[in-house]
């Protein structure tokens, strides 16, 4: 089988695998891709990027600490990184709602992210709850925060919340901060 044909077959397998969820978490680790696709898995990822680009999607590699890795110069962290497919364009609130998220949950996540960033990376959970308590019932805030911790957007250490790997992979933090800073002026 010619090399080009083999790469095309591997691209199909890669995209199918990346769309599946692993124990509730999206994406696949680099070492799992190497095992599934072979040593040239990064070449396959780059070929998949070209196909997904036409659909407004892209593959990103992110470490558990939230560091986005450059697929052109991957480094040693690439085998432990999680590869995920993300939407390149910003989604509208209606589109997020169709994914099963309530508008108040989106507000809780956005507020938590901005608040955590404003406090240099960590914020007390109770502060976030108090900040939102006037707009959203406390039980719903706690339920949303627990959900976002479970699916990787936030992490909790000793009642302090910080950003999770999935936030770094899927959220345009600069744009979010710009939106919040212009809306408060």
C-alpha atoms as a PDB file:
ATOM      1  CA  UNK A   1       0.000   0.000   0.000  1.00  0.00           C
ATOM      2  CA  UNK A   2       1.474   3.412  -0.931  1.00  0.00           C
ATOM      3  CA  UNK A   3       2.485   5.723   1.904  1.00  0.00           C
ATOM      4  CA  UNK A   4      -0.114   8.368   1.001  1.00  0.00           C
ATOM      5  CA  UNK A   5      -2.914   5.789   1.156  1.00  0.00           C
ATOM      6  CA  UNK A   6      -1.659   4.522   4.540  1.00  0.00           C
ATOM      7  CA  UNK A   7      -1.610   8.081   5.921  1.00  0.00           C
ATOM      8  CA  UNK A   8      -5.189   8.650   4.693  1.00  0.00           C
ATOM      9  CA  UNK A   9      -6.359   5.472   6.441  1.00  0.00           C
ATOM     10  CA  UNK A  10      -4.603   6.555   9.644  1.00  0.00           C
ATOM     11  CA  UNK A  11      -6.162  10.037   9.426  1.00  0.00           C
ATOM     12  CA  UNK A  12      -9.633   8.451   9.323  1.00  0.00           C
ATOM     13  CA  UNK A  13      -8.806   6.317  12.368  1.00  0.00           C
ATOM     14  CA  UNK A  14      -7.336   9.306  14.226  1.00  0.00           C
ATOM     15  CA  UNK A  15     -10.365  11.522  13.660  1.00  0.00           C
ATOM     16  CA  UNK A  16     -12.742   8.735  14.692  1.00  0.00           C
ATOM     17  CA  UNK A  17     -10.755   8.075  17.878  1.00  0.00           C
ATOM     18  CA  UNK A  18     -10.550  11.779  18.784  1.00  0.00           C
ATOM     19  CA  UNK A  19     -14.311  12.167  18.487  1.00  0.00           C
ATOM     20  CA  UNK A  20     -14.879   9.366  20.987  1.00  0.00           C
ATOM     21  CA  UNK A  21     -14.795  10.031  24.726  1.00  0.00           C
ATOM     22  CA  UNK A  22     -12.472   8.213  27.066  1.00  0.00           C
ATOM     23  CA  UNK A  23     -14.008   7.722  30.522  1.00  0.00           C
ATOM     24  CA  UNK A  24     -15.926  10.964  30.226  1.00  0.00           C
ATOM     25  CA  UNK A  25     -12.912  12.954  29.046  1.00  0.00           C
ATOM     26  CA  UNK A  26     -12.403  13.933  25.441  1.00  0.00           C
ATOM     27  CA  UNK A  27      -9.208  13.251  23.599  1.00  0.00           C
ATOM     28  CA  UNK A  28      -6.426  10.696  23.536  1.00  0.00           C
ATOM     29  CA  UNK A  29      -2.923  10.717  25.035  1.00  0.00           C
ATOM     30  CA  UNK A  30       0.089  10.926  22.725  1.00  0.00           C
ATOM     31  CA  UNK A  31       1.451   7.527  23.771  1.00  0.00           C
ATOM     32  CA  UNK A  32      -1.947   5.988  22.949  1.00  0.00           C
ATOM     33  CA  UNK A  33      -1.845   7.553  19.473  1.00  0.00           C
ATOM     34  CA  UNK A  34       1.687   6.245  18.905  1.00  0.00           C
ATOM     35  CA  UNK A  35       0.501   2.762  19.856  1.00  0.00           C
ATOM     36  CA  UNK A  36      -2.575   3.017  17.619  1.00  0.00           C
ATOM     37  CA  UNK A  37      -1.085   4.788  14.587  1.00  0.00           C
ATOM     38  CA  UNK A  38       2.635   4.077  14.743  1.00  0.00           C
ATOM     39  CA  UNK A  39       5.755   6.182  15.194  1.00  0.00           C
ATOM     40  CA  UNK A  40       4.643   8.653  12.503  1.00  0.00           C
ATOM     41  CA  UNK A  41       1.515   9.645  14.481  1.00  0.00           C
ATOM     42  CA  UNK A  42       2.468  13.348  14.500  1.00  0.00           C
ATOM     43  CA  UNK A  43       2.583  13.294  10.703  1.00  0.00           C
ATOM     44  CA  UNK A  44      -0.916  11.786  10.782  1.00  0.00           C
ATOM     45  CA  UNK A  45      -2.078  14.511  13.205  1.00  0.00           C
ATOM     46  CA  UNK A  46      -0.775  17.215  10.849  1.00  0.00           C
ATOM     47  CA  UNK A  47      -2.578  15.583   7.897  1.00  0.00           C
ATOM     48  CA  UNK A  48      -5.772  15.439   9.978  1.00  0.00           C
ATOM     49  CA  UNK A  49      -5.361  19.158  10.777  1.00  0.00           C
ATOM     50  CA  UNK A  50      -5.647  19.959   7.067  1.00  0.00           C
ATOM     51  CA  UNK A  51      -8.877  17.952   6.729  1.00  0.00           C
ATOM     52  CA  UNK A  52     -10.449  19.376   9.887  1.00  0.00           C
ATOM     53  CA  UNK A  53      -9.533  22.962   8.988  1.00  0.00           C
ATOM     54  CA  UNK A  54     -12.178  23.005   6.253  1.00  0.00           C
ATOM     55  CA  UNK A  55     -14.771  22.131   8.919  1.00  0.00           C
ATOM     56  CA  UNK A  56     -13.689  24.881  11.326  1.00  0.00           C
ATOM     57  CA  UNK A  57     -12.044  22.370  13.671  1.00  0.00           C
ATOM     58  CA  UNK A  58      -8.475  21.748  14.787  1.00  0.00           C
ATOM     59  CA  UNK A  59      -6.442  19.268  16.803  1.00  0.00           C
ATOM     60  CA  UNK A  60      -4.680  20.628  19.885  1.00  0.00           C
ATOM     61  CA  UNK A  61      -2.267  18.929  22.237  1.00  0.00           C
ATOM     62  CA  UNK A  62      -2.425  20.084  25.859  1.00  0.00           C
ATOM     63  CA  UNK A  63      -0.633  18.872  28.986  1.00  0.00           C
ATOM     64  CA  UNK A  64      -2.421  18.169  32.263  1.00  0.00           C
ATOM     65  CA  UNK A  65      -1.030  21.497  33.517  1.00  0.00           C
ATOM     66  CA  UNK A  66      -2.768  23.310  30.661  1.00  0.00           C
ATOM     67  CA  UNK A  67       0.231  24.037  28.457  1.00  0.00           C
ATOM     68  CA  UNK A  68      -0.645  24.044  24.753  1.00  0.00           C
ATOM     69  CA  UNK A  69       2.024  22.261  22.758  1.00  0.00           C
ATOM     70  CA  UNK A  70       3.207  23.261  19.308  1.00  0.00           C
ATOM     71  CA  UNK A  71       2.692  20.312  16.984  1.00  0.00           C
ATOM     72  CA  UNK A  72       5.539  21.519  14.745  1.00  0.00           C
ATOM     73  CA  UNK A  73       8.081  21.422  17.625  1.00  0.00           C
ATOM     74  CA  UNK A  74       6.468  19.017  20.082  1.00  0.00           C
ATOM     75  CA  UNK A  75       9.204  18.322  22.629  1.00  0.00           C
ATOM     76  CA  UNK A  76       9.268  15.521  25.173  1.00  0.00           C
ATOM     77  CA  UNK A  77       5.882  16.316  26.757  1.00  0.00           C
ATOM     78  CA  UNK A  78       3.990  15.255  23.637  1.00  0.00           C
ATOM     79  CA  UNK A  79       3.616  11.598  24.616  1.00  0.00           C
ATOM     80  CA  UNK A  80       1.769  12.509  27.849  1.00  0.00           C
ATOM     81  CA  UNK A  81      -0.230  15.346  26.275  1.00  0.00           C
ATOM     82  CA  UNK A  82      -3.913  14.913  25.540  1.00  0.00           C
ATOM     83  CA  UNK A  83      -4.910  15.432  21.899  1.00  0.00           C
ATOM     84  CA  UNK A  84      -8.383  16.910  21.435  1.00  0.00           C
ATOM     85  CA  UNK A  85     -10.468  18.263  18.587  1.00  0.00           C
ATOM     86  CA  UNK A  86     -11.738  21.786  19.252  1.00  0.00           C
ATOM     87  CA  UNK A  87     -13.837  24.323  17.377  1.00  0.00           C
ATOM     88  CA  UNK A  88     -11.718  27.132  15.920  1.00  0.00           C
ATOM     89  CA  UNK A  89     -14.510  29.710  15.693  1.00  0.00           C
ATOM     90  CA  UNK A  90     -16.308  31.091  18.716  1.00  0.00           C
ATOM     91  CA  UNK A  91     -19.639  29.487  19.494  1.00  0.00           C
ATOM     92  CA  UNK A  92     -22.723  31.590  20.095  1.00  0.00           C
ATOM     93  CA  UNK A  93     -24.732  31.072  23.313  1.00  0.00           C
ATOM     94  CA  UNK A  94     -27.504  29.349  21.319  1.00  0.00           C
ATOM     95  CA  UNK A  95     -24.975  26.840  19.961  1.00  0.00           C
ATOM     96  CA  UNK A  96     -23.628  26.138  23.453  1.00  0.00           C
ATOM     97  CA  UNK A  97     -27.171  25.592  24.720  1.00  0.00           C
ATOM     98  CA  UNK A  98     -27.726  23.001  21.988  1.00  0.00           C
ATOM     99  CA  UNK A  99     -24.709  21.126  23.386  1.00  0.00           C
ATOM    100  CA  UNK A 100     -26.576  20.633  26.667  1.00  0.00           C
ATOM    101  CA  UNK A 101     -25.282  23.636  28.624  1.00  0.00           C
ATOM    102  CA  UNK A 102     -27.624  26.050  30.352  1.00  0.00           C
ATOM    103  CA  UNK A 103     -26.930  29.761  29.942  1.00  0.00           C
ATOM    104  CA  UNK A 104     -26.409  30.165  33.688  1.00  0.00           C
ATOM    105  CA  UNK A 105     -23.826  27.352  33.627  1.00  0.00           C
ATOM    106  CA  UNK A 106     -21.976  29.144  30.849  1.00  0.00           C
ATOM    107  CA  UNK A 107     -22.076  32.322  32.957  1.00  0.00           C
ATOM    108  CA  UNK A 108     -20.723  30.451  35.989  1.00  0.00           C
ATOM    109  CA  UNK A 109     -17.830  29.027  33.964  1.00  0.00           C
ATOM    110  CA  UNK A 110     -16.985  32.328  32.282  1.00  0.00           C
ATOM    111  CA  UNK A 111     -17.114  34.232  35.567  1.00  0.00           C
ATOM    112  CA  UNK A 112     -15.038  31.601  37.358  1.00  0.00           C
ATOM    113  CA  UNK A 113     -12.375  31.663  34.628  1.00  0.00           C
ATOM    114  CA  UNK A 114     -12.108  35.453  34.612  1.00  0.00           C
ATOM    115  CA  UNK A 115     -12.073  35.653  38.414  1.00  0.00           C
ATOM    116  CA  UNK A 116      -9.379  32.973  38.682  1.00  0.00           C
ATOM    117  CA  UNK A 117      -7.264  34.746  36.051  1.00  0.00           C
ATOM    118  CA  UNK A 118      -7.675  38.079  37.844  1.00  0.00           C
ATOM    119  CA  UNK A 119      -6.302  36.496  41.027  1.00  0.00           C
ATOM    120  CA  UNK A 120      -3.240  35.084  39.216  1.00  0.00           C
ATOM    121  CA  UNK A 121      -4.392  31.516  38.811  1.00  0.00           C
ATOM    122  CA  UNK A 122      -6.204  30.448  41.996  1.00  0.00           C
ATOM    123  CA  UNK A 123      -9.369  31.617  43.736  1.00  0.00           C
ATOM    124  CA  UNK A 124     -11.312  30.410  46.767  1.00  0.00           C
ATOM    125  CA  UNK A 125     -14.413  28.514  45.724  1.00  0.00           C
ATOM    126  CA  UNK A 126     -16.509  30.425  48.263  1.00  0.00           C
ATOM    127  CA  UNK A 127     -15.490  33.758  46.687  1.00  0.00           C
ATOM    128  CA  UNK A 128     -16.750  32.613  43.296  1.00  0.00           C
ATOM    129  CA  UNK A 129     -20.011  31.400  44.858  1.00  0.00           C
ATOM    130  CA  UNK A 130     -20.491  34.738  46.666  1.00  0.00           C
ATOM    131  CA  UNK A 131     -19.708  36.678  43.494  1.00  0.00           C
ATOM    132  CA  UNK A 132     -22.468  34.866  41.598  1.00  0.00           C
ATOM    133  CA  UNK A 133     -24.989  34.386  44.422  1.00  0.00           C
ATOM    134  CA  UNK A 134     -27.052  37.474  43.474  1.00  0.00           C
ATOM    135  CA  UNK A 135     -27.648  36.221  39.930  1.00  0.00           C
ATOM    136  CA  UNK A 136     -27.744  32.420  40.223  1.00  0.00           C
ATOM    137  CA  UNK A 137     -29.057  30.208  43.042  1.00  0.00           C
ATOM    138  CA  UNK A 138     -26.217  28.890  45.203  1.00  0.00           C
ATOM    139  CA  UNK A 139     -27.134  25.244  44.664  1.00  0.00           C
ATOM    140  CA  UNK A 140     -26.941  25.744  40.886  1.00  0.00           C
ATOM    141  CA  UNK A 141     -23.548  27.486  41.184  1.00  0.00           C
ATOM    142  CA  UNK A 142     -22.127  24.610  43.227  1.00  0.00           C
ATOM    143  CA  UNK A 143     -23.614  22.051  40.856  1.00  0.00           C
ATOM    144  CA  UNK A 144     -22.080  23.837  37.854  1.00  0.00           C
ATOM    145  CA  UNK A 145     -18.675  24.193  39.541  1.00  0.00           C
ATOM    146  CA  UNK A 146     -18.681  20.484  40.420  1.00  0.00           C
ATOM    147  CA  UNK A 147     -19.572  19.628  36.823  1.00  0.00           C
ATOM    148  CA  UNK A 148     -16.770  21.805  35.426  1.00  0.00           C
ATOM    149  CA  UNK A 149     -14.283  20.232  37.829  1.00  0.00           C
ATOM    150  CA  UNK A 150     -15.404  16.769  36.768  1.00  0.00           C
ATOM    151  CA  UNK A 151     -15.055  17.439  33.030  1.00  0.00           C
ATOM    152  CA  UNK A 152     -11.705  19.230  33.285  1.00  0.00           C
ATOM    153  CA  UNK A 153     -12.455  22.939  32.882  1.00  0.00           C
ATOM    154  CA  UNK A 154     -11.575  23.639  36.528  1.00  0.00           C
ATOM    155  CA  UNK A 155      -9.467  21.907  39.173  1.00  0.00           C
ATOM    156  CA  UNK A 156      -9.902  22.085  42.936  1.00  0.00           C
ATOM    157  CA  UNK A 157      -7.123  21.944  45.535  1.00  0.00           C
ATOM    158  CA  UNK A 158      -7.918  22.581  49.206  1.00  0.00           C
ATOM    159  CA  UNK A 159     -11.039  24.651  48.412  1.00  0.00           C
ATOM    160  CA  UNK A 160      -9.096  26.726  45.855  1.00  0.00           C
ATOM    161  CA  UNK A 161     -10.150  26.591  42.215  1.00  0.00           C
ATOM    162  CA  UNK A 162      -7.747  26.900  39.299  1.00  0.00           C
ATOM    163  CA  UNK A 163      -8.081  26.484  35.564  1.00  0.00           C
ATOM    164  CA  UNK A 164      -8.089  22.935  34.222  1.00  0.00           C
ATOM    165  CA  UNK A 165      -6.412  21.527  31.134  1.00  0.00           C
ATOM    166  CA  UNK A 166      -9.605  21.696  29.115  1.00  0.00           C
ATOM    167  CA  UNK A 167      -9.987  25.457  29.632  1.00  0.00           C
ATOM    168  CA  UNK A 168      -6.555  26.019  28.137  1.00  0.00           C
ATOM    169  CA  UNK A 169      -7.374  23.704  25.227  1.00  0.00           C
ATOM    170  CA  UNK A 170     -10.823  25.037  24.336  1.00  0.00           C
ATOM    171  CA  UNK A 171     -11.244  28.603  25.626  1.00  0.00           C
ATOM    172  CA  UNK A 172      -9.705  31.694  24.034  1.00  0.00           C
ATOM    173  CA  UNK A 173      -8.663  33.279  27.334  1.00  0.00           C
ATOM    174  CA  UNK A 174      -7.447  36.544  25.796  1.00  0.00           C
ATOM    175  CA  UNK A 175     -10.746  37.101  24.020  1.00  0.00           C
ATOM    176  CA  UNK A 176     -12.723  36.207  27.153  1.00  0.00           C
ATOM    177  CA  UNK A 177     -10.737  38.721  29.212  1.00  0.00           C
ATOM    178  CA  UNK A 178     -11.260  41.370  26.525  1.00  0.00           C
ATOM    179  CA  UNK A 179     -15.016  40.745  26.515  1.00  0.00           C
ATOM    180  CA  UNK A 180     -15.183  41.032  30.307  1.00  0.00           C
ATOM    181  CA  UNK A 181     -13.003  44.139  30.454  1.00  0.00           C
ATOM    182  CA  UNK A 182     -15.063  45.971  27.788  1.00  0.00           C
ATOM    183  CA  UNK A 183     -18.380  44.935  29.376  1.00  0.00           C
ATOM    184  CA  UNK A 184     -17.386  46.368  32.767  1.00  0.00           C
ATOM    185  CA  UNK A 185     -16.351  49.760  31.421  1.00  0.00           C
END
